[in-house]
Amino acid sequence: MNIAKKWILTTVLAGSMIGGAVGGTLIASSVGQAATATTTTTSSTPSTSSSGTFHSNENATHEAGESAAREAQEDAGQMPTVP
């Protein structure tokens, strides 16, 4: 093989590798964004008051089954977002 053909082969090979890496990165980021955009979370916590003010449920049966994180949110006056 003469030197000109070696340079052409090297250039084509390098260009293919760089193009594949860039293309793969773009595809992966667009797939990641699409997955993030289609993911939705729903809350099954019913609203307890029509005024929009959160009131903690201090019933003993309720308290026995909730996590420490949920109790901390209730104590802070926040609408619980954790189970």
Protein backbone atom coordinates (compact mmCIF):
# COMPACT_ATOMS: atom_id res chain seq x y z
CA MET A 1 0.00 0.00 0.00
CA ASN A 2 1.40 3.39 -0.82
CA ILE A 3 1.56 6.24 1.68
CA ALA A 4 -1.45 8.15 0.25
CA LYS A 5 -3.73 5.16 0.71
CA LYS A 6 -2.52 4.69 4.30
CA TRP A 7 -3.38 8.31 5.12
CA ILE A 8 -6.81 7.98 3.56
CA LEU A 9 -7.48 4.76 5.49
CA THR A 10 -6.27 6.33 8.75
CA THR A 11 -8.38 9.44 8.18
CA VAL A 12 -11.52 7.45 7.38
CA LEU A 13 -10.99 5.19 10.41
CA ALA A 14 -10.41 8.12 12.78
CA GLY A 15 -13.39 10.00 11.36
CA SER A 16 -15.61 6.96 11.80
CA MET A 17 -14.55 6.53 15.41
CA ILE A 18 -15.08 10.21 16.26
CA GLY A 19 -18.39 10.32 14.40
CA GLY A 20 -19.58 7.18 16.18
CA ALA A 21 -18.63 8.57 19.57
CA VAL A 22 -20.37 11.90 18.94
CA GLY A 23 -23.42 10.21 17.44
CA GLY A 24 -23.66 7.76 20.34
CA THR A 25 -23.42 10.58 22.86
CA LEU A 26 -26.16 12.57 21.12
CA ILE A 27 -28.45 9.55 20.89
CA ALA A 28 -27.85 8.59 24.52
CA SER A 29 -28.58 12.12 25.75
CA SER A 30 -31.75 12.40 23.70
CA VAL A 31 -32.97 9.02 24.94
CA GLY A 32 -32.19 10.08 28.52
CA GLN A 33 -34.10 13.32 28.09
CA ALA A 34 -37.07 11.52 26.56
CA ALA A 35 -37.16 9.04 29.43
CA THR A 36 -37.00 11.87 31.95
CA ALA A 37 -39.70 13.83 30.14
CA THR A 38 -42.11 10.90 30.03
CA THR A 39 -41.60 9.87 33.65
CA THR A 40 -44.35 11.24 35.84
CA THR A 41 -45.01 10.80 39.51
CA THR A 42 -48.43 10.65 41.00
CA SER A 43 -49.36 11.24 44.58
CA SER A 44 -52.03 9.17 46.24
CA THR A 45 -52.18 11.45 49.28
CA PRO A 46 -55.69 12.88 49.40
CA SER A 47 -56.26 16.49 50.25
CA THR A 48 -57.59 16.72 53.78
CA SER A 49 -58.66 20.33 53.72
CA SER A 50 -60.18 22.56 51.08
CA SER A 51 -58.31 25.59 52.46
CA GLY A 52 -54.95 24.19 51.26
CA THR A 53 -53.46 24.07 54.76
CA PHE A 54 -51.83 20.79 55.72
CA HIS A 55 -52.84 19.25 59.05
CA SER A 56 -50.81 16.34 60.41
CA ASN A 57 -52.60 13.07 61.18
CA GLU A 58 -51.60 12.26 64.78
CA ASN A 59 -53.82 9.17 65.07
CA ALA A 60 -51.93 6.36 66.90
CA THR A 61 -52.74 3.83 64.17
CA HIS A 62 -51.44 6.20 61.49
CA GLU A 63 -48.31 7.07 63.47
CA ALA A 64 -47.36 3.40 63.97
CA GLY A 65 -47.10 2.75 60.24
CA GLU A 66 -45.26 5.84 58.97
CA SER A 67 -41.57 6.38 58.39
CA ALA A 68 -39.36 8.78 60.33
CA ALA A 69 -38.93 10.93 57.19
CA ARG A 70 -42.70 11.29 56.78
CA GLU A 71 -43.12 12.17 60.46
CA ALA A 72 -40.39 14.82 60.14
CA GLN A 73 -42.20 16.39 57.19
CA GLU A 74 -45.50 16.38 59.07
CA ASP A 75 -43.85 17.92 62.14
CA ALA A 76 -42.40 20.67 59.95
CA GLY A 77 -45.89 21.47 58.62
CA GLN A 78 -45.06 20.22 55.12
CA MET A 79 -47.24 18.03 52.92
CA PRO A 80 -45.55 14.60 53.14
CA THR A 81 -43.90 13.42 49.94
CA VAL A 82 -42.38 10.18 51.27
CA PRO A 83 -44.24 7.00 52.22
